[in-house]
Amino acid sequence: MTERSGQIADYVQYVVEQLVENADAVNVTEQVENDELFVDIEVEPTDRGRVIGKNGRLIRSLRVVVRAAAGRDGSTAMVEIVEDDEERPEGDTSNASSEAPRDPANEGAPAEAAQNA
């Protein structure tokens, strides 16, 4: 998994650098524990939305590709966007990459959109 994890991290680094305005500030780290790969992405706060994408579609797609690549070796993978604690308002424990609840009947659309339809 070590060789593949390096390739996966390099791929994530390349994709994220293409998305952001400040590519020099992109830092992708990988950590392997047991058969799990953890890929952390650090970008400038102003570029975070570019990596997440509209309704989280970009980061979700990147996670799917990374999980598929890791799955070739029978491993699992997690991709997270690292958020600096100093940027977060005091008392806010929300995660920058969290997604809205999904309505399974509406093929992945946010639940609130399904209610308004």
C-alpha atoms as a PDB file:
ATOM      1  CA  MET A   1       0.000   0.000   0.000  1.00  0.00           C
ATOM      2  CA  THR A   2       2.935   2.336   0.568  1.00  0.00           C
ATOM      3  CA  GLU A   3       3.756   2.799  -3.122  1.00  0.00           C
ATOM      4  CA  ARG A   4       0.103   3.180  -4.072  1.00  0.00           C
ATOM      5  CA  SER A   5      -0.523   5.601  -1.177  1.00  0.00           C
ATOM      6  CA  GLY A   6       2.271   7.823  -2.493  1.00  0.00           C
ATOM      7  CA  GLN A   7       0.734   7.751  -5.973  1.00  0.00           C
ATOM      8  CA  ILE A   8      -2.697   8.581  -4.558  1.00  0.00           C
ATOM      9  CA  ALA A   9      -1.317  11.499  -2.536  1.00  0.00           C
ATOM     10  CA  ASP A  10       0.521  12.808  -5.614  1.00  0.00           C
ATOM     11  CA  TYR A  11      -2.712  12.581  -7.616  1.00  0.00           C
ATOM     12  CA  VAL A  12      -4.655  14.482  -4.942  1.00  0.00           C
ATOM     13  CA  GLN A  13      -1.890  17.123  -4.812  1.00  0.00           C
ATOM     14  CA  TYR A  14      -2.023  17.569  -8.598  1.00  0.00           C
ATOM     15  CA  VAL A  15      -5.821  17.841  -8.754  1.00  0.00           C
ATOM     16  CA  VAL A  16      -6.042  20.306  -5.863  1.00  0.00           C
ATOM     17  CA  GLU A  17      -3.250  22.469  -7.299  1.00  0.00           C
ATOM     18  CA  GLN A  18      -5.252  22.756 -10.543  1.00  0.00           C
ATOM     19  CA  LEU A  19      -8.339  23.914  -8.633  1.00  0.00           C
ATOM     20  CA  VAL A  20      -6.914  26.629  -6.373  1.00  0.00           C
ATOM     21  CA  GLU A  21      -5.506  30.068  -7.092  1.00  0.00           C
ATOM     22  CA  ASN A  22      -2.534  29.713  -4.743  1.00  0.00           C
ATOM     23  CA  ALA A  23      -1.048  26.345  -5.724  1.00  0.00           C
ATOM     24  CA  ASP A  24       2.112  26.966  -3.682  1.00  0.00           C
ATOM     25  CA  ALA A  25       0.057  26.868  -0.465  1.00  0.00           C
ATOM     26  CA  VAL A  26      -1.334  23.384  -1.160  1.00  0.00           C
ATOM     27  CA  ASN A  27      -0.055  20.729   1.223  1.00  0.00           C
ATOM     28  CA  VAL A  28      -1.218  17.127   0.938  1.00  0.00           C
ATOM     29  CA  THR A  29      -0.138  14.652   3.601  1.00  0.00           C
ATOM     30  CA  GLU A  30      -0.723  10.932   3.721  1.00  0.00           C
ATOM     31  CA  GLN A  31      -0.770   8.553   6.633  1.00  0.00           C
ATOM     32  CA  VAL A  32      -1.239   4.787   6.499  1.00  0.00           C
ATOM     33  CA  GLU A  33      -2.584   2.909   9.511  1.00  0.00           C
ATOM     34  CA  ASN A  34      -3.289  -0.810   9.113  1.00  0.00           C
ATOM     35  CA  ASP A  35      -4.959  -0.968   5.697  1.00  0.00           C
ATOM     36  CA  GLU A  36      -6.389   2.552   5.856  1.00  0.00           C
ATOM     37  CA  LEU A  37      -5.026   5.547   3.983  1.00  0.00           C
ATOM     38  CA  PHE A  38      -5.702   9.017   5.364  1.00  0.00           C
ATOM     39  CA  VAL A  39      -5.096  11.932   2.995  1.00  0.00           C
ATOM     40  CA  ASP A  40      -5.255  15.428   4.489  1.00  0.00           C
ATOM     41  CA  ILE A  41      -5.504  18.494   2.257  1.00  0.00           C
ATOM     42  CA  GLU A  42      -4.391  21.908   3.460  1.00  0.00           C
ATOM     43  CA  VAL A  43      -5.180  24.983   1.345  1.00  0.00           C
ATOM     44  CA  GLU A  44      -5.559  28.694   1.923  1.00  0.00           C
ATOM     45  CA  PRO A  45      -8.895  29.588   3.542  1.00  0.00           C
ATOM     46  CA  THR A  46      -9.849  31.564   0.432  1.00  0.00           C
ATOM     47  CA  ASP A  47      -9.312  28.476  -1.756  1.00  0.00           C
ATOM     48  CA  ARG A  48     -11.188  26.024   0.449  1.00  0.00           C
ATOM     49  CA  GLY A  49     -14.486  26.588  -1.385  1.00  0.00           C
ATOM     50  CA  ARG A  50     -12.828  25.794  -4.712  1.00  0.00           C
ATOM     51  CA  VAL A  51     -11.752  22.386  -3.387  1.00  0.00           C
ATOM     52  CA  ILE A  52     -15.129  21.648  -1.806  1.00  0.00           C
ATOM     53  CA  GLY A  53     -17.065  22.736  -4.889  1.00  0.00           C
ATOM     54  CA  LYS A  54     -20.718  23.554  -5.315  1.00  0.00           C
ATOM     55  CA  ASN A  55     -22.733  21.515  -2.796  1.00  0.00           C
ATOM     56  CA  GLY A  56     -19.565  19.540  -2.008  1.00  0.00           C
ATOM     57  CA  ARG A  57     -19.477  17.860  -5.406  1.00  0.00           C
ATOM     58  CA  LEU A  58     -15.756  18.295  -6.105  1.00  0.00           C
ATOM     59  CA  ILE A  59     -14.517  16.933  -2.786  1.00  0.00           C
ATOM     60  CA  ARG A  60     -17.063  14.119  -2.950  1.00  0.00           C
ATOM     61  CA  SER A  61     -15.842  13.139  -6.435  1.00  0.00           C
ATOM     62  CA  LEU A  62     -12.222  13.276  -5.321  1.00  0.00           C
ATOM     63  CA  ARG A  63     -13.069  11.005  -2.383  1.00  0.00           C
ATOM     64  CA  VAL A  64     -14.743   8.490  -4.713  1.00  0.00           C
ATOM     65  CA  VAL A  65     -11.699   8.317  -6.993  1.00  0.00           C
ATOM     66  CA  VAL A  66      -9.314   7.961  -4.039  1.00  0.00           C
ATOM     67  CA  ARG A  67     -11.433   5.219  -2.440  1.00  0.00           C
ATOM     68  CA  ALA A  68     -11.525   3.358  -5.770  1.00  0.00           C
ATOM     69  CA  ALA A  69      -7.764   3.589  -6.191  1.00  0.00           C
ATOM     70  CA  ALA A  70      -7.135   2.395  -2.636  1.00  0.00           C
ATOM     71  CA  GLY A  71      -9.678  -0.373  -3.090  1.00  0.00           C
ATOM     72  CA  ARG A  72      -7.523  -1.948  -5.793  1.00  0.00           C
ATOM     73  CA  ASP A  73      -5.260  -3.144  -2.969  1.00  0.00           C
ATOM     74  CA  GLY A  74      -8.149  -4.072  -0.699  1.00  0.00           C
ATOM     75  CA  SER A  75      -7.588  -0.945   1.398  1.00  0.00           C
ATOM     76  CA  THR A  76      -9.814   1.928   2.392  1.00  0.00           C
ATOM     77  CA  ALA A  77      -9.094   5.640   2.105  1.00  0.00           C
ATOM     78  CA  MET A  78     -10.319   8.861   3.670  1.00  0.00           C
ATOM     79  CA  VAL A  79      -9.801  12.363   2.250  1.00  0.00           C
ATOM     80  CA  GLU A  80     -10.277  15.363   4.522  1.00  0.00           C
ATOM     81  CA  ILE A  81      -9.755  19.085   4.194  1.00  0.00           C
ATOM     82  CA  VAL A  82      -7.786  20.360   7.169  1.00  0.00           C
ATOM     83  CA  GLU A  83      -9.232  23.466   8.751  1.00  0.00           C
ATOM     84  CA  ASP A  84      -7.101  25.638  11.025  1.00  0.00           C
ATOM     85  CA  ASP A  85      -8.583  25.949  14.497  1.00  0.00           C
ATOM     86  CA  GLU A  86      -7.701  29.657  14.636  1.00  0.00           C
ATOM     87  CA  GLU A  87      -9.968  30.406  11.644  1.00  0.00           C
ATOM     88  CA  ARG A  88     -13.000  28.849  13.310  1.00  0.00           C
ATOM     89  CA  PRO A  89     -15.148  31.103  15.525  1.00  0.00           C
ATOM     90  CA  GLU A  90     -14.932  30.187  19.198  1.00  0.00           C
ATOM     91  CA  GLY A  91     -17.348  27.401  20.095  1.00  0.00           C
ATOM     92  CA  ASP A  92     -17.914  26.352  16.467  1.00  0.00           C
ATOM     93  CA  THR A  93     -17.139  22.639  16.116  1.00  0.00           C
ATOM     94  CA  SER A  94     -18.524  22.172  12.607  1.00  0.00           C
ATOM     95  CA  ASN A  95     -16.409  20.515   9.926  1.00  0.00           C
ATOM     96  CA  ALA A  96     -15.654  22.447   6.724  1.00  0.00           C
ATOM     97  CA  SER A  97     -16.257  19.405   4.561  1.00  0.00           C
ATOM     98  CA  SER A  98     -19.520  18.260   6.118  1.00  0.00           C
ATOM     99  CA  GLU A  99     -22.423  17.753   3.769  1.00  0.00           C
ATOM    100  CA  ALA A 100     -26.155  18.342   4.024  1.00  0.00           C
ATOM    101  CA  PRO A 101     -28.291  15.277   4.813  1.00  0.00           C
ATOM    102  CA  ARG A 102     -29.247  13.401   1.663  1.00  0.00           C
ATOM    103  CA  ASP A 103     -32.673  12.277   0.589  1.00  0.00           C
ATOM    104  CA  PRO A 104     -32.280   8.766  -0.876  1.00  0.00           C
ATOM    105  CA  ALA A 105     -35.532   9.122  -2.828  1.00  0.00           C
ATOM    106  CA  ASN A 106     -34.141  12.142  -4.677  1.00  0.00           C
ATOM    107  CA  GLU A 107     -30.826  10.553  -5.819  1.00  0.00           C
ATOM    108  CA  GLY A 108     -28.449  12.436  -3.533  1.00  0.00           C
ATOM    109  CA  ALA A 109     -30.053  15.869  -3.601  1.00  0.00           C
ATOM    110  CA  PRO A 110     -30.024  17.668  -0.239  1.00  0.00           C
ATOM    111  CA  ALA A 111     -33.081  16.826   1.830  1.00  0.00           C
ATOM    112  CA  GLU A 112     -34.237  20.436   1.955  1.00  0.00           C
ATOM    113  CA  ALA A 113     -34.267  20.629  -1.872  1.00  0.00           C
ATOM    114  CA  ALA A 114     -36.440  17.521  -2.012  1.00  0.00           C
ATOM    115  CA  GLN A 115     -38.938  19.087   0.371  1.00  0.00           C
ATOM    116  CA  ASN A 116     -39.188  22.230  -1.763  1.00  0.00           C
ATOM    117  CA  ALA A 117     -39.728  20.301  -4.986  1.00  0.00           C
END
